[in-house]
């Protein structure tokens, strides 16, 4: 199987931002001292600065996000993946603005605000972003460090 040539940094950033705009779901990896690592798919909305997700307050992920404040996200396929390490902030009730909540619901096909049990919204601000397709893109996979896009 032949590999496509590695993308330049600027193309990886462009492709990564397109994933954030167009993908519907991502993988959320959280942990705590009791359960250890926990991985779950969630729908998301990219607001240009971070990811908005929602999950039941009493779920393992909800409790982990509230308690830990750190998370790892995976967006895309195994051979075209973006990994994000981020800082989590729970949005105070009632959650995001109506416009952002509506945009989340339209993209996800699911409105957490309409659920009977509490589904808080969490905003995840990226601190590190990596993107690669194949082994030939491992070098240069870092696109963001310490919350700042790399040149």
N, C-alpha and C. Protein backbone atom coordinates (compact mmCIF):
# COMPACT_ATOMS: atom_id res chain seq x y z
N UNK A 1 0.84 -1.17 0.00
CA UNK A 1 0.00 0.00 0.00
C UNK A 1 0.88 1.24 0.00
N UNK A 2 0.67 2.13 -0.93
CA UNK A 2 1.50 3.32 -1.00
C UNK A 2 0.87 4.44 -0.16
N UNK A 3 1.74 5.27 0.38
CA UNK A 3 1.30 6.38 1.21
C UNK A 3 1.29 7.66 0.39
N UNK A 4 0.35 8.52 0.71
CA UNK A 4 0.36 9.86 0.14
C UNK A 4 1.55 10.60 0.73
N UNK A 5 2.11 11.54 0.01
CA UNK A 5 3.21 12.30 0.59
C UNK A 5 2.74 13.07 1.82
N UNK A 6 3.64 13.34 2.78
CA UNK A 6 3.23 14.07 3.98
C UNK A 6 2.77 15.49 3.63
N UNK A 7 1.76 15.94 4.36
CA UNK A 7 1.25 17.30 4.16
C UNK A 7 2.16 18.31 4.83
N UNK A 8 2.22 19.49 4.26
CA UNK A 8 2.91 20.60 4.90
C UNK A 8 2.09 21.05 6.12
N UNK A 9 2.75 21.74 7.03
CA UNK A 9 2.12 22.20 8.27
C UNK A 9 0.82 22.98 8.00
N UNK A 10 0.89 23.96 7.10
CA UNK A 10 -0.30 24.79 6.84
C UNK A 10 -1.47 23.95 6.32
N UNK A 11 -1.19 22.94 5.52
CA UNK A 11 -2.26 22.08 5.01
C UNK A 11 -2.84 21.23 6.13
N UNK A 12 -2.01 20.78 7.04
CA UNK A 12 -2.52 19.99 8.18
C UNK A 12 -3.44 20.85 9.04
N UNK A 13 -3.05 22.10 9.27
CA UNK A 13 -3.91 23.00 10.06
C UNK A 13 -5.24 23.19 9.35
N UNK A 14 -5.19 23.45 8.05
CA UNK A 14 -6.42 23.64 7.27
C UNK A 14 -7.29 22.39 7.33
N UNK A 15 -6.70 21.22 7.13
CA UNK A 15 -7.45 19.96 7.19
C UNK A 15 -8.03 19.71 8.58
N UNK A 16 -7.27 20.06 9.62
CA UNK A 16 -7.72 19.88 11.00
C UNK A 16 -8.92 20.77 11.29
N UNK A 17 -8.85 22.02 10.91
CA UNK A 17 -9.97 22.93 11.13
C UNK A 17 -11.21 22.48 10.35
N UNK A 18 -11.01 21.93 9.16
CA UNK A 18 -12.14 21.39 8.39
C UNK A 18 -12.78 20.22 9.13
N UNK A 19 -11.97 19.36 9.75
CA UNK A 19 -12.52 18.26 10.56
C UNK A 19 -13.36 18.82 11.71
N UNK A 20 -12.83 19.84 12.38
CA UNK A 20 -13.55 20.42 13.51
C UNK A 20 -14.89 21.00 13.06
N UNK A 21 -14.93 21.57 11.88
CA UNK A 21 -16.17 22.15 11.36
C UNK A 21 -17.16 21.09 10.87
N UNK A 22 -16.64 20.01 10.28
CA UNK A 22 -17.50 19.07 9.56
C UNK A 22 -17.82 17.77 10.27
N UNK A 23 -16.92 17.28 11.11
CA UNK A 23 -17.20 16.04 11.84
C UNK A 23 -18.32 16.30 12.85
N UNK A 24 -19.06 15.27 13.18
CA UNK A 24 -20.17 15.40 14.13
C UNK A 24 -19.79 14.86 15.50
N UNK A 25 -19.02 13.77 15.51
CA UNK A 25 -18.68 13.09 16.75
C UNK A 25 -17.18 13.03 16.94
N UNK A 26 -16.79 12.87 18.19
CA UNK A 26 -15.39 12.68 18.55
C UNK A 26 -15.33 11.70 19.71
N UNK A 27 -14.12 11.23 19.99
CA UNK A 27 -13.91 10.35 21.14
C UNK A 27 -13.40 11.19 22.30
N UNK A 28 -13.98 10.98 23.48
CA UNK A 28 -13.59 11.69 24.69
C UNK A 28 -12.98 10.69 25.66
N UNK A 29 -11.73 10.92 26.01
CA UNK A 29 -11.04 10.08 26.99
C UNK A 29 -10.87 10.89 28.27
N UNK A 30 -11.45 10.38 29.34
CA UNK A 30 -11.35 11.02 30.65
C UNK A 30 -10.94 9.95 31.65
N UNK A 31 -10.65 10.39 32.86
CA UNK A 31 -10.28 9.39 33.87
C UNK A 31 -10.53 9.95 35.27
N UNK A 32 -10.54 9.02 36.21
CA UNK A 32 -10.54 9.37 37.63
C UNK A 32 -9.85 8.25 38.39
N UNK A 33 -9.63 8.46 39.67
CA UNK A 33 -8.90 7.49 40.47
C UNK A 33 -9.68 6.19 40.68
N UNK A 34 -11.00 6.25 40.65
CA UNK A 34 -11.83 5.08 40.89
C UNK A 34 -11.96 4.19 39.66
N UNK A 35 -12.32 4.79 38.53
CA UNK A 35 -12.61 4.02 37.32
C UNK A 35 -11.43 3.93 36.36
N UNK A 36 -10.44 4.77 36.52
CA UNK A 36 -9.32 4.79 35.58
C UNK A 36 -9.76 5.42 34.26
N UNK A 37 -9.09 5.07 33.16
CA UNK A 37 -9.42 5.65 31.86
C UNK A 37 -10.82 5.25 31.40
N UNK A 38 -11.48 6.19 30.74
CA UNK A 38 -12.83 5.95 30.24
C UNK A 38 -12.95 6.63 28.89
N UNK A 39 -13.44 5.91 27.88
CA UNK A 39 -13.53 6.41 26.51
C UNK A 39 -14.96 6.31 26.02
N UNK A 40 -15.46 7.42 25.45
CA UNK A 40 -16.85 7.44 24.98
C UNK A 40 -16.96 8.39 23.78
N UNK A 41 -17.82 8.05 22.80
CA UNK A 41 -18.06 8.99 21.71
C UNK A 41 -19.12 10.01 22.12
N UNK A 42 -18.89 11.26 21.74
CA UNK A 42 -19.86 12.33 21.99
C UNK A 42 -19.95 13.22 20.75
N UNK A 43 -21.10 13.80 20.54
CA UNK A 43 -21.24 14.82 19.51
C UNK A 43 -20.59 16.10 20.02
N UNK A 44 -20.19 16.95 19.08
CA UNK A 44 -19.52 18.19 19.48
C UNK A 44 -19.84 19.32 18.52
N UNK A 45 -19.57 20.52 19.00
CA UNK A 45 -19.67 21.73 18.18
C UNK A 45 -18.37 22.51 18.39
N UNK A 46 -17.70 22.86 17.29
CA UNK A 46 -16.47 23.66 17.33
C UNK A 46 -16.88 25.12 17.21
N UNK A 47 -16.50 25.95 18.18
CA UNK A 47 -16.89 27.36 18.15
C UNK A 47 -15.78 28.28 17.64
N UNK A 48 -14.72 27.69 17.13
CA UNK A 48 -13.59 28.47 16.64
C UNK A 48 -12.47 28.59 17.64
N UNK A 49 -12.77 28.35 18.91
CA UNK A 49 -11.75 28.41 19.96
C UNK A 49 -11.71 27.13 20.79
N UNK A 50 -12.77 26.34 20.71
CA UNK A 50 -12.83 25.13 21.51
C UNK A 50 -14.01 24.28 21.12
N UNK A 51 -14.16 23.19 21.84
CA UNK A 51 -15.20 22.20 21.56
C UNK A 51 -16.28 22.29 22.63
N UNK A 52 -17.51 22.22 22.19
CA UNK A 52 -18.64 22.16 23.10
C UNK A 52 -19.20 20.74 23.04
N UNK A 53 -19.28 20.08 24.21
CA UNK A 53 -19.86 18.75 24.32
C UNK A 53 -20.87 18.77 25.46
N UNK A 54 -21.72 17.75 25.48
CA UNK A 54 -22.69 17.63 26.55
C UNK A 54 -22.89 16.16 26.85
N UNK A 55 -23.00 15.84 28.13
CA UNK A 55 -23.21 14.46 28.57
C UNK A 55 -23.92 14.52 29.92
N UNK A 56 -24.63 13.46 30.29
CA UNK A 56 -25.33 13.52 31.58
C UNK A 56 -24.38 13.81 32.73
N UNK A 57 -24.83 14.66 33.64
CA UNK A 57 -24.02 15.05 34.80
C UNK A 57 -23.58 13.84 35.61
N UNK A 58 -24.45 12.83 35.74
CA UNK A 58 -24.13 11.67 36.57
C UNK A 58 -23.47 10.52 35.82
N UNK A 59 -23.16 10.71 34.54
CA UNK A 59 -22.44 9.67 33.81
C UNK A 59 -20.97 9.67 34.25
N UNK A 60 -20.26 8.60 33.95
CA UNK A 60 -18.83 8.54 34.29
C UNK A 60 -18.10 9.71 33.65
N UNK A 61 -18.37 9.96 32.38
CA UNK A 61 -17.69 11.07 31.69
C UNK A 61 -18.07 12.40 32.31
N UNK A 62 -19.34 12.62 32.58
CA UNK A 62 -19.77 13.88 33.20
C UNK A 62 -19.08 14.11 34.53
N UNK A 63 -19.04 13.08 35.37
CA UNK A 63 -18.36 13.22 36.66
C UNK A 63 -16.87 13.48 36.48
N UNK A 64 -16.24 12.75 35.52
CA UNK A 64 -14.81 12.95 35.28
C UNK A 64 -14.51 14.36 34.80
N UNK A 65 -15.32 14.86 33.87
CA UNK A 65 -15.09 16.21 33.35
C UNK A 65 -15.27 17.26 34.44
N UNK A 66 -16.26 17.07 35.29
CA UNK A 66 -16.48 18.02 36.39
C UNK A 66 -15.34 17.99 37.40
N UNK A 67 -14.82 16.80 37.67
CA UNK A 67 -13.81 16.65 38.72
C UNK A 67 -12.39 16.91 38.25
N UNK A 68 -12.07 16.48 37.03
CA UNK A 68 -10.68 16.47 36.59
C UNK A 68 -10.26 17.74 35.89
N UNK A 69 -11.08 18.23 34.97
CA UNK A 69 -10.73 19.44 34.24
C UNK A 69 -9.78 19.24 33.08
N UNK A 70 -9.38 17.98 32.83
CA UNK A 70 -8.49 17.67 31.69
C UNK A 70 -9.13 16.56 30.89
N UNK A 71 -8.85 16.55 29.58
CA UNK A 71 -9.45 15.55 28.71
C UNK A 71 -8.59 15.36 27.47
N UNK A 72 -8.73 14.23 26.84
CA UNK A 72 -8.10 13.97 25.54
C UNK A 72 -9.20 13.61 24.57
N UNK A 73 -9.14 14.22 23.38
CA UNK A 73 -10.13 14.00 22.34
C UNK A 73 -9.47 13.38 21.12
N UNK A 74 -10.21 12.56 20.41
CA UNK A 74 -9.78 12.01 19.13
C UNK A 74 -10.84 12.33 18.09
N UNK A 75 -10.41 12.93 16.97
CA UNK A 75 -11.33 13.31 15.90
C UNK A 75 -10.85 12.67 14.61
N UNK A 76 -11.74 12.01 13.89
CA UNK A 76 -11.39 11.43 12.61
C UNK A 76 -11.12 9.95 12.69
N UNK A 77 -10.58 9.43 11.60
CA UNK A 77 -10.29 8.02 11.45
C UNK A 77 -8.88 7.70 11.95
N UNK A 78 -8.61 6.43 12.16
CA UNK A 78 -7.30 6.00 12.65
C UNK A 78 -6.18 6.46 11.72
N UNK A 79 -6.38 6.40 10.42
CA UNK A 79 -5.35 6.80 9.47
C UNK A 79 -5.51 8.23 8.98
N UNK A 80 -6.23 9.02 9.73
CA UNK A 80 -6.34 10.46 9.49
C UNK A 80 -6.92 11.07 10.76
N UNK A 81 -6.10 11.10 11.79
CA UNK A 81 -6.58 11.41 13.13
C UNK A 81 -6.06 12.77 13.60
N UNK A 82 -6.86 13.39 14.44
CA UNK A 82 -6.45 14.59 15.17
C UNK A 82 -6.63 14.26 16.65
N UNK A 83 -5.57 14.45 17.42
CA UNK A 83 -5.61 14.23 18.87
C UNK A 83 -5.52 15.59 19.55
N UNK A 84 -6.37 15.80 20.55
CA UNK A 84 -6.44 17.08 21.25
C UNK A 84 -6.37 16.84 22.75
N UNK A 85 -5.42 17.49 23.40
CA UNK A 85 -5.40 17.53 24.85
C UNK A 85 -5.99 18.88 25.24
N UNK A 86 -6.99 18.86 26.13
CA UNK A 86 -7.66 20.10 26.44
C UNK A 86 -7.99 20.29 27.89
N UNK A 87 -8.37 21.52 28.19
CA UNK A 87 -8.81 21.94 29.53
C UNK A 87 -10.32 22.10 29.47
N UNK A 88 -11.00 21.52 30.44
CA UNK A 88 -12.46 21.48 30.47
C UNK A 88 -13.00 22.54 31.43
N UNK A 89 -14.06 23.20 30.96
CA UNK A 89 -14.80 24.13 31.82
C UNK A 89 -16.29 23.81 31.67
N UNK A 90 -16.94 23.52 32.79
CA UNK A 90 -18.39 23.30 32.76
C UNK A 90 -19.07 24.65 32.61
N UNK A 91 -19.99 24.74 31.66
CA UNK A 91 -20.72 25.99 31.49
C UNK A 91 -21.80 26.08 32.56
N UNK A 92 -21.91 27.21 33.22
CA UNK A 92 -22.97 27.34 34.22
C UNK A 92 -24.34 27.30 33.55
N UNK A 93 -25.35 26.83 34.30
CA UNK A 93 -26.71 26.79 33.77
C UNK A 93 -27.13 28.21 33.40
N UNK A 94 -27.80 28.41 32.32
CA UNK A 94 -28.48 27.43 31.50
C UNK A 94 -27.63 26.86 30.36
N UNK A 95 -26.34 27.08 30.34
CA UNK A 95 -25.48 26.56 29.28
C UNK A 95 -25.09 27.64 28.30
N UNK A 96 -24.85 27.24 27.05
CA UNK A 96 -24.41 28.22 26.06
C UNK A 96 -25.53 29.17 25.67
N UNK A 97 -25.18 30.19 24.91
CA UNK A 97 -26.21 31.09 24.39
C UNK A 97 -27.20 30.29 23.56
N UNK A 98 -28.36 30.84 23.34
CA UNK A 98 -29.37 30.15 22.54
C UNK A 98 -28.83 29.84 21.15
N UNK A 99 -28.14 30.79 20.54
CA UNK A 99 -27.62 30.57 19.18
C UNK A 99 -26.62 29.42 19.15
N UNK A 100 -25.71 29.36 20.12
CA UNK A 100 -24.72 28.28 20.16
C UNK A 100 -25.40 26.95 20.49
N UNK A 101 -26.32 26.96 21.44
CA UNK A 101 -27.06 25.73 21.75
C UNK A 101 -27.84 25.22 20.56
N UNK A 102 -28.46 26.14 19.80
CA UNK A 102 -29.19 25.75 18.60
C UNK A 102 -28.24 25.18 17.54
N UNK A 103 -27.06 25.79 17.39
CA UNK A 103 -26.08 25.31 16.42
C UNK A 103 -25.59 23.91 16.81
N UNK A 104 -25.34 23.70 18.10
CA UNK A 104 -24.95 22.37 18.59
C UNK A 104 -26.03 21.36 18.23
N UNK A 105 -27.28 21.67 18.57
CA UNK A 105 -28.39 20.74 18.34
C UNK A 105 -28.56 20.45 16.85
N UNK A 106 -28.43 21.44 16.01
CA UNK A 106 -28.58 21.24 14.57
C UNK A 106 -27.47 20.33 14.03
N UNK A 107 -26.26 20.56 14.47
CA UNK A 107 -25.13 19.74 13.99
C UNK A 107 -25.23 18.31 14.52
N UNK A 108 -25.53 18.17 15.81
CA UNK A 108 -25.52 16.85 16.46
C UNK A 108 -26.79 16.05 16.19
N UNK A 109 -27.88 16.73 15.84
CA UNK A 109 -29.15 16.02 15.70
C UNK A 109 -29.71 15.61 17.05
N UNK A 110 -29.29 16.33 18.09
CA UNK A 110 -29.65 16.00 19.47
C UNK A 110 -29.54 17.29 20.29
N UNK A 111 -30.56 17.58 21.09
CA UNK A 111 -30.54 18.80 21.90
C UNK A 111 -30.49 18.44 23.38
N UNK A 112 -29.32 18.60 24.01
CA UNK A 112 -29.20 18.28 25.44
C UNK A 112 -30.14 19.11 26.31
N UNK A 113 -30.51 20.29 25.85
CA UNK A 113 -31.38 21.17 26.64
C UNK A 113 -32.79 20.58 26.78
N UNK A 114 -33.16 19.64 25.90
CA UNK A 114 -34.50 19.06 25.92
C UNK A 114 -34.59 17.76 26.73
N UNK A 115 -33.51 17.35 27.36
CA UNK A 115 -33.49 16.09 28.10
C UNK A 115 -34.06 16.28 29.50
N UNK A 116 -34.64 15.21 30.05
CA UNK A 116 -35.22 15.27 31.40
C UNK A 116 -34.14 15.32 32.47
N UNK A 117 -33.08 14.51 32.28
CA UNK A 117 -31.99 14.54 33.26
C UNK A 117 -31.01 15.66 32.88
N UNK A 118 -30.27 16.17 33.85
CA UNK A 118 -29.35 17.26 33.55
C UNK A 118 -28.22 16.83 32.60
N UNK A 119 -28.10 17.55 31.50
CA UNK A 119 -27.04 17.37 30.51
C UNK A 119 -26.24 18.67 30.45
N UNK A 120 -25.29 18.85 31.35
CA UNK A 120 -24.52 20.09 31.29
C UNK A 120 -23.67 20.15 30.02
N UNK A 121 -23.37 21.35 29.63
CA UNK A 121 -22.45 21.58 28.52
C UNK A 121 -21.06 21.82 29.08
N UNK A 122 -20.07 21.33 28.36
CA UNK A 122 -18.67 21.51 28.73
C UNK A 122 -17.95 22.14 27.56
N UNK A 123 -17.13 23.14 27.85
CA UNK A 123 -16.30 23.75 26.81
C UNK A 123 -14.87 23.25 27.01
N UNK A 124 -14.29 22.72 25.95
CA UNK A 124 -12.93 22.17 26.00
C UNK A 124 -12.01 23.06 25.18
N UNK A 125 -11.08 23.69 25.84
CA UNK A 125 -10.12 24.58 25.18
C UNK A 125 -8.85 23.78 24.88
N UNK A 126 -8.49 23.65 23.60
CA UNK A 126 -7.31 22.86 23.25
C UNK A 126 -6.03 23.47 23.81
N UNK A 127 -5.16 22.60 24.30
CA UNK A 127 -3.83 22.99 24.75
C UNK A 127 -2.76 22.41 23.84
N UNK A 128 -3.05 21.23 23.30
CA UNK A 128 -2.13 20.57 22.37
C UNK A 128 -2.98 19.90 21.28
N UNK A 129 -2.60 20.10 20.04
CA UNK A 129 -3.27 19.47 18.91
C UNK A 129 -2.21 18.80 18.05
N UNK A 130 -2.46 17.54 17.72
CA UNK A 130 -1.59 16.78 16.83
C UNK A 130 -2.45 16.20 15.70
N UNK A 131 -1.89 16.14 14.49
CA UNK A 131 -2.60 15.56 13.36
C UNK A 131 -1.63 14.77 12.49
N UNK A 132 -2.04 13.57 12.10
CA UNK A 132 -1.23 12.77 11.18
C UNK A 132 -2.11 11.74 10.49
N UNK A 133 -1.62 11.31 9.33
CA UNK A 133 -2.31 10.27 8.57
C UNK A 133 -1.56 8.95 8.66
N UNK A 134 -0.31 8.98 8.31
CA UNK A 134 0.52 7.78 8.27
C UNK A 134 1.82 8.07 9.00
N UNK A 135 2.68 7.07 9.07
CA UNK A 135 3.95 7.21 9.77
C UNK A 135 4.79 8.35 9.18
N UNK A 136 4.63 8.62 7.88
CA UNK A 136 5.42 9.69 7.28
C UNK A 136 4.97 11.09 7.72
N UNK A 137 3.91 11.16 8.51
CA UNK A 137 3.48 12.46 9.06
C UNK A 137 3.69 12.56 10.57
N UNK A 138 4.31 11.56 11.16
CA UNK A 138 4.56 11.62 12.60
C UNK A 138 5.45 12.82 12.93
N UNK A 139 6.52 12.99 12.16
CA UNK A 139 7.35 14.19 12.34
C UNK A 139 6.49 15.39 11.95
N UNK A 140 6.47 16.39 12.77
CA UNK A 140 5.68 17.58 12.47
C UNK A 140 4.22 17.47 12.81
N UNK A 141 3.83 16.44 13.59
CA UNK A 141 2.41 16.25 13.90
C UNK A 141 1.86 17.30 14.86
N UNK A 142 2.73 17.96 15.61
CA UNK A 142 2.26 18.99 16.55
C UNK A 142 1.83 20.24 15.79
N UNK A 143 0.58 20.62 15.98
CA UNK A 143 0.04 21.83 15.37
C UNK A 143 -0.16 22.93 16.40
N UNK A 144 -0.38 22.53 17.66
CA UNK A 144 -0.60 23.48 18.75
C UNK A 144 0.11 22.96 19.98
N UNK A 145 0.74 23.89 20.70
CA UNK A 145 1.33 23.59 22.01
C UNK A 145 1.01 24.71 22.97
N UNK A 146 0.71 24.34 24.21
CA UNK A 146 0.41 25.33 25.25
C UNK A 146 -0.69 26.30 24.81
N UNK A 147 -1.66 25.80 24.04
CA UNK A 147 -2.80 26.62 23.63
C UNK A 147 -2.53 27.56 22.49
N UNK A 148 -1.35 27.50 21.88
CA UNK A 148 -1.02 28.41 20.77
C UNK A 148 -0.70 27.61 19.52
N UNK A 149 -1.27 28.03 18.39
CA UNK A 149 -0.96 27.39 17.12
C UNK A 149 0.50 27.61 16.79
N UNK A 150 1.15 26.56 16.31
CA UNK A 150 2.56 26.67 15.91
C UNK A 150 2.66 27.26 14.53
N UNK A 151 3.73 28.00 14.28
CA UNK A 151 3.88 28.62 12.93
C UNK A 151 4.29 27.58 11.89
